[in-house]
Amino acid sequence: MRTKNDWSIVRSGVPQGTVVGPSSFVTFVNDLPEEVSSMIDMFADDTKLYKRISKNADRQQLQSDIDNLVTWSTKWKLLFNLDKCKVMTLLMYLIIP
C-alpha cells in the first residue's frame, strides 16, 4: 500500500504543488533564452518567441530558433504542449490615400 510519504522516481520536470516548485522551474528553464537569437519572452510556464521578418534569412533564423527550442526541450525532457502552440502573423501595410 502506498502512503503519501512514499518516494517515487522523478524522471524530469519540476514537482507539482510544492513550495519550491516555481523557483525550481525558473532555475530549470533559465538557459532557454541562450538557445535562440530571436526575441523571447517568458512568464511562468509560457514562452513566446518572435522576430521581425523582412527577408528570407529572417524566416530561416526563426525556424532555426524553433528547432533549437525543440532540441532543448527534448534534451531536458520538458516538452512543449503542441496543442497550446500558436502562430500569429502581424502585417503592416502602408495605405496611401
N, C-alpha and C. Protein backbone atom coordinates (compact mmCIF):
# COMPACT_ATOMS: atom_id res chain seq x y z
N MET A 1 0.83 -1.18 0.00
CA MET A 1 0.00 0.00 0.00
C MET A 1 0.88 1.25 0.00
N ARG A 2 0.61 2.16 -0.91
CA ARG A 2 1.37 3.40 -0.98
C ARG A 2 0.78 4.40 0.00
N THR A 3 1.66 5.10 0.65
CA THR A 3 1.22 6.18 1.52
C THR A 3 1.67 7.49 0.93
N LYS A 4 1.20 8.55 1.50
CA LYS A 4 1.54 9.89 0.99
C LYS A 4 3.04 10.16 1.09
N ASN A 5 3.75 9.50 1.97
CA ASN A 5 5.17 9.77 2.21
C ASN A 5 6.10 8.86 1.43
N ASP A 6 5.56 7.95 0.60
CA ASP A 6 6.43 7.07 -0.17
C ASP A 6 7.19 7.87 -1.22
N TRP A 7 8.42 7.42 -1.51
CA TRP A 7 9.25 8.05 -2.52
C TRP A 7 8.92 7.46 -3.87
N SER A 8 9.10 8.25 -4.90
CA SER A 8 8.96 7.75 -6.26
C SER A 8 10.02 8.42 -7.12
N ILE A 9 10.33 7.79 -8.24
CA ILE A 9 11.37 8.30 -9.14
C ILE A 9 10.80 9.44 -9.96
N VAL A 10 11.54 10.55 -10.03
CA VAL A 10 11.18 11.68 -10.87
C VAL A 10 12.15 11.68 -12.04
N ARG A 11 11.63 11.45 -13.24
CA ARG A 11 12.49 11.34 -14.41
C ARG A 11 12.85 12.70 -15.00
N SER A 12 11.98 13.67 -14.85
CA SER A 12 12.26 15.00 -15.39
C SER A 12 11.24 15.98 -14.84
N GLY A 13 11.47 17.25 -15.15
CA GLY A 13 10.50 18.27 -14.79
C GLY A 13 10.64 18.78 -13.37
N VAL A 14 9.62 19.47 -12.93
CA VAL A 14 9.59 20.08 -11.61
C VAL A 14 8.39 19.53 -10.87
N PRO A 15 8.55 19.12 -9.60
CA PRO A 15 7.42 18.58 -8.85
C PRO A 15 6.27 19.58 -8.78
N GLN A 16 5.06 19.10 -8.96
CA GLN A 16 3.88 19.95 -8.91
C GLN A 16 3.42 20.12 -7.45
N GLY A 17 2.90 21.30 -7.15
CA GLY A 17 2.29 21.54 -5.85
C GLY A 17 3.26 21.70 -4.71
N THR A 18 4.50 22.05 -4.99
CA THR A 18 5.46 22.25 -3.92
C THR A 18 5.74 23.73 -3.74
N VAL A 19 6.23 24.10 -2.59
CA VAL A 19 6.58 25.49 -2.32
C VAL A 19 7.76 25.91 -3.19
N VAL A 20 8.70 25.01 -3.40
CA VAL A 20 9.89 25.35 -4.20
C VAL A 20 9.67 25.11 -5.69
N GLY A 21 8.52 24.58 -6.07
CA GLY A 21 8.23 24.29 -7.48
C GLY A 21 8.45 25.45 -8.41
N PRO A 22 7.83 26.63 -8.14
CA PRO A 22 8.01 27.77 -9.05
C PRO A 22 9.46 28.20 -9.21
N SER A 23 10.19 28.29 -8.10
CA SER A 23 11.60 28.71 -8.23
C SER A 23 12.44 27.62 -8.86
N SER A 24 12.10 26.35 -8.63
CA SER A 24 12.80 25.26 -9.30
C SER A 24 12.59 25.33 -10.80
N PHE A 25 11.36 25.63 -11.20
CA PHE A 25 11.05 25.72 -12.62
C PHE A 25 11.83 26.85 -13.28
N VAL A 26 11.89 28.00 -12.63
CA VAL A 26 12.64 29.15 -13.17
C VAL A 26 14.10 28.77 -13.34
N THR A 27 14.67 28.09 -12.37
CA THR A 27 16.05 27.65 -12.47
C THR A 27 16.21 26.65 -13.61
N PHE A 28 15.22 25.79 -13.77
CA PHE A 28 15.27 24.75 -14.78
C PHE A 28 15.27 25.32 -16.20
N VAL A 29 14.51 26.40 -16.44
CA VAL A 29 14.40 26.97 -17.79
C VAL A 29 15.24 28.22 -17.98
N ASN A 30 16.08 28.52 -17.01
CA ASN A 30 16.88 29.74 -17.00
C ASN A 30 17.74 29.91 -18.26
N ASP A 31 18.22 28.83 -18.84
CA ASP A 31 19.11 28.92 -20.00
C ASP A 31 18.37 28.93 -21.34
N LEU A 32 17.07 28.83 -21.33
CA LEU A 32 16.30 28.77 -22.58
C LEU A 32 16.57 29.96 -23.51
N PRO A 33 16.61 31.20 -23.03
CA PRO A 33 16.88 32.33 -23.93
C PRO A 33 18.24 32.28 -24.63
N GLU A 34 19.19 31.56 -24.05
CA GLU A 34 20.52 31.45 -24.66
C GLU A 34 20.51 30.57 -25.91
N GLU A 35 19.43 29.84 -26.12
CA GLU A 35 19.34 28.90 -27.23
C GLU A 35 18.87 29.55 -28.53
N VAL A 36 18.42 30.81 -28.46
CA VAL A 36 17.83 31.45 -29.63
C VAL A 36 18.42 32.83 -29.86
N SER A 37 18.32 33.30 -31.09
CA SER A 37 18.75 34.67 -31.39
C SER A 37 17.54 35.58 -31.57
N SER A 38 16.36 35.00 -31.76
CA SER A 38 15.13 35.78 -31.87
C SER A 38 14.75 36.31 -30.49
N MET A 39 13.78 37.20 -30.47
CA MET A 39 13.28 37.73 -29.20
C MET A 39 12.49 36.62 -28.50
N ILE A 40 12.64 36.54 -27.19
CA ILE A 40 11.90 35.54 -26.42
C ILE A 40 11.40 36.18 -25.14
N ASP A 41 10.14 35.94 -24.84
CA ASP A 41 9.53 36.41 -23.59
C ASP A 41 9.06 35.19 -22.83
N MET A 42 9.32 35.18 -21.53
CA MET A 42 8.90 34.06 -20.71
C MET A 42 8.19 34.60 -19.47
N PHE A 43 7.08 33.96 -19.13
CA PHE A 43 6.36 34.29 -17.91
C PHE A 43 5.77 32.99 -17.38
N ALA A 44 6.14 32.65 -16.16
CA ALA A 44 5.73 31.37 -15.57
C ALA A 44 6.11 30.25 -16.52
N ASP A 45 5.14 29.47 -17.01
CA ASP A 45 5.49 28.38 -17.91
C ASP A 45 5.11 28.69 -19.36
N ASP A 46 4.91 29.97 -19.67
CA ASP A 46 4.61 30.39 -21.04
C ASP A 46 5.86 30.95 -21.69
N THR A 47 6.07 30.61 -22.96
CA THR A 47 7.21 31.11 -23.72
C THR A 47 6.70 31.67 -25.05
N LYS A 48 7.16 32.86 -25.38
CA LYS A 48 6.80 33.47 -26.66
C LYS A 48 8.08 33.80 -27.41
N LEU A 49 8.16 33.34 -28.63
CA LEU A 49 9.31 33.57 -29.50
C LEU A 49 8.83 34.40 -30.67
N TYR A 50 9.55 35.47 -30.97
CA TYR A 50 9.11 36.31 -32.08
C TYR A 50 10.29 36.99 -32.74
N LYS A 51 10.06 37.39 -34.00
CA LYS A 51 11.12 38.03 -34.78
C LYS A 51 10.48 38.83 -35.90
N ARG A 52 11.05 39.96 -36.16
CA ARG A 52 10.61 40.75 -37.32
C ARG A 52 11.17 40.08 -38.57
N ILE A 53 10.30 39.82 -39.52
CA ILE A 53 10.70 39.15 -40.76
C ILE A 53 10.68 40.16 -41.89
N SER A 54 11.84 40.47 -42.41
CA SER A 54 11.90 41.40 -43.54
C SER A 54 12.62 40.79 -44.74
N LYS A 55 13.23 39.64 -44.55
CA LYS A 55 13.89 38.95 -45.67
C LYS A 55 13.89 37.45 -45.38
N ASN A 56 14.22 36.67 -46.37
CA ASN A 56 14.18 35.22 -46.24
C ASN A 56 15.10 34.71 -45.13
N ALA A 57 16.25 35.33 -44.94
CA ALA A 57 17.18 34.91 -43.90
C ALA A 57 16.54 35.03 -42.51
N ASP A 58 15.65 36.01 -42.33
CA ASP A 58 14.94 36.15 -41.05
C ASP A 58 14.02 34.96 -40.81
N ARG A 59 13.32 34.51 -41.85
CA ARG A 59 12.45 33.33 -41.72
C ARG A 59 13.28 32.10 -41.37
N GLN A 60 14.41 31.96 -42.03
CA GLN A 60 15.28 30.82 -41.77
C GLN A 60 15.81 30.84 -40.34
N GLN A 61 16.16 32.03 -39.85
CA GLN A 61 16.67 32.14 -38.48
C GLN A 61 15.58 31.83 -37.45
N LEU A 62 14.36 32.30 -37.70
CA LEU A 62 13.26 31.99 -36.80
C LEU A 62 13.00 30.48 -36.76
N GLN A 63 13.01 29.84 -37.92
CA GLN A 63 12.82 28.39 -37.95
C GLN A 63 13.95 27.68 -37.23
N SER A 64 15.16 28.15 -37.40
CA SER A 64 16.31 27.58 -36.68
C SER A 64 16.13 27.72 -35.17
N ASP A 65 15.63 28.86 -34.73
CA ASP A 65 15.38 29.07 -33.30
C ASP A 65 14.31 28.12 -32.78
N ILE A 66 13.25 27.92 -33.57
CA ILE A 66 12.21 26.96 -33.18
C ILE A 66 12.81 25.56 -33.07
N ASP A 67 13.64 25.19 -34.03
CA ASP A 67 14.31 23.89 -33.99
C ASP A 67 15.19 23.77 -32.75
N ASN A 68 15.89 24.86 -32.39
CA ASN A 68 16.74 24.85 -31.19
C ASN A 68 15.90 24.67 -29.93
N LEU A 69 14.72 25.28 -29.88
CA LEU A 69 13.85 25.11 -28.72
C LEU A 69 13.37 23.66 -28.60
N VAL A 70 13.06 23.05 -29.74
CA VAL A 70 12.63 21.65 -29.73
C VAL A 70 13.77 20.76 -29.23
N THR A 71 14.98 21.01 -29.71
CA THR A 71 16.15 20.24 -29.27
C THR A 71 16.37 20.42 -27.77
N TRP A 72 16.28 21.66 -27.28
CA TRP A 72 16.44 21.93 -25.85
C TRP A 72 15.38 21.20 -25.04
N SER A 73 14.13 21.28 -25.49
CA SER A 73 13.05 20.66 -24.71
C SER A 73 13.17 19.14 -24.70
N THR A 74 13.65 18.56 -25.79
CA THR A 74 13.85 17.12 -25.83
C THR A 74 15.00 16.72 -24.90
N LYS A 75 16.07 17.49 -24.94
CA LYS A 75 17.24 17.19 -24.09
C LYS A 75 16.86 17.19 -22.62
N TRP A 76 16.06 18.16 -22.19
CA TRP A 76 15.70 18.30 -20.77
C TRP A 76 14.38 17.61 -20.43
N LYS A 77 13.79 16.92 -21.40
CA LYS A 77 12.53 16.19 -21.19
C LYS A 77 11.43 17.09 -20.63
N LEU A 78 11.39 18.28 -21.18
CA LEU A 78 10.36 19.25 -20.81
C LEU A 78 9.71 19.70 -22.12
N LEU A 79 8.81 18.89 -22.60
CA LEU A 79 8.26 19.08 -23.94
C LEU A 79 7.22 20.19 -23.98
N PHE A 80 7.17 20.88 -25.10
CA PHE A 80 6.16 21.91 -25.30
C PHE A 80 4.82 21.23 -25.58
N ASN A 81 3.75 21.84 -25.12
CA ASN A 81 2.42 21.33 -25.39
C ASN A 81 1.99 21.83 -26.77
N LEU A 82 2.03 20.95 -27.75
CA LEU A 82 1.74 21.36 -29.13
C LEU A 82 0.31 21.88 -29.31
N ASP A 83 -0.61 21.42 -28.46
CA ASP A 83 -1.99 21.92 -28.54
C ASP A 83 -2.08 23.39 -28.15
N LYS A 84 -1.09 23.87 -27.39
CA LYS A 84 -1.10 25.27 -26.96
C LYS A 84 -0.17 26.14 -27.78
N CYS A 85 0.55 25.56 -28.73
CA CYS A 85 1.46 26.34 -29.58
C CYS A 85 0.66 27.02 -30.69
N LYS A 86 0.88 28.29 -30.86
CA LYS A 86 0.15 29.09 -31.84
C LYS A 86 1.11 29.92 -32.67
N VAL A 87 0.67 30.26 -33.87
CA VAL A 87 1.42 31.16 -34.74
C VAL A 87 0.57 32.41 -34.94
N MET A 88 1.19 33.54 -34.80
CA MET A 88 0.49 34.80 -35.02
C MET A 88 1.32 35.62 -35.99
N THR A 89 0.69 36.06 -37.06
CA THR A 89 1.37 36.86 -38.07
C THR A 89 0.78 38.26 -38.04
N LEU A 90 1.64 39.24 -37.91
CA LEU A 90 1.21 40.64 -37.95
C LEU A 90 1.80 41.27 -39.19
N LEU A 91 0.97 41.93 -39.94
CA LEU A 91 1.40 42.62 -41.15
C LEU A 91 1.13 44.10 -41.02
N MET A 92 2.01 44.87 -41.59
CA MET A 92 1.81 46.31 -41.58
C MET A 92 1.84 46.81 -43.02
N TYR A 93 0.74 47.37 -43.44
CA TYR A 93 0.64 47.89 -44.79
C TYR A 93 0.54 49.41 -44.73
N LEU A 94 1.19 50.05 -45.64
CA LEU A 94 1.09 51.49 -45.77
C LEU A 94 -0.02 51.79 -46.75
N ILE A 95 -1.03 52.49 -46.28
CA ILE A 95 -2.16 52.84 -47.13
C ILE A 95 -2.01 54.29 -47.54
N ILE A 96 -1.89 54.50 -48.83
CA ILE A 96 -1.74 55.86 -49.35
C ILE A 96 -3.08 56.29 -49.93
N PRO A 97 -3.65 57.38 -49.40
CA PRO A 97 -4.97 57.80 -49.89
C PRO A 97 -4.89 58.40 -51.29
